[in-house]
Amino acid sequence: GGYKVKLKIGNACIDTPIKVRWEAPKDHNPEDFLAIYRVDAPDYFNMVELSGSSGQESGTVTFTKPKDEKSGNPRLPAVEGLYVVRYLRANDQRVMASSRELLATRCDGPAPTNEEIEKQQKRQEW
């Protein structure tokens, strides 16, 4: 099997958990990790190792908001925008798979209209 990263949802509220399904070869390194990036940023701001996954070809991980931001727990999108989750190999940090883009929005205010979402996506395309 190859590498895949699938998001359960296409958009998310800021600060809400994001559930991700991954697939990898059976002999993948359990220290491989999933990382979440802003689409336009070179560095991830959050990662979670696939610890305990050796011998498995798939699984799910959930990025959650830490109770204490200082702990090394996964952090969630805190600003509106497009994000992507990537599968990185532990030994060389190579990106093996990427999810589709995830739109993070403020859900406590008015939800963005479809037009606003389309505008955001167009802005990203170039």
Foldseek 3Di string as FASTA:
>chain_A
DFWEKEWPDQAEEFQAKTKIKIFHPLQADQQWKKFKDFPPDPDGPFIDGNPPQHRHGMDMDIQHPDPDNVDRGGHTDHDWHKMKMFTAGPPPRDTRYIYPIYTYHHPVDDDDDPVVVVVRVVVVPD
